[in-house]
């Protein structure tokens, strides 16, 4: 603790989202872009982060501990909104956009009925636009195999 009673974490140099918290079907997930592992959190924790992000509330200690344990990530001291993107519940429910983005599929199943996977479609800028429309920030680290070529 510092002399002012705040946790002894460095202040951020600039705002940068490091985590994403999102409802997913009947669950709530805490994710770090670019990482395959996520943390399932209770609905009350999601609502806590959602409320804190709206009023500029500080990062809760449980979140700092969860990020450290799950990914070895040290979160600096600051408002939730500076480091966590809190996604709202979609009125449409779950959506998957791989076909629309790639005009193909990243899997190579022997029994696939889709035929030849040509991976045609929009360039990366166009794919980013589609991702944003679907509620996925284009910086989220998602890139299909076709986009990485």
Foldseek 3Di string as FASTA:
>chain_A
DDPVPDDPFDDDPAQDAAWEWEDAFPWIWIGGQPDPDIDTDDPVVLVVLVVQLVVFHWDDPVVQVVCCVPPVDHDGTGGSVSHYHYDDQDPVHDDDCPCVLQVADLDDDPPDPSPDRPRDDDALVVSQVVCVVVVHHSVSNDDGPSNVD
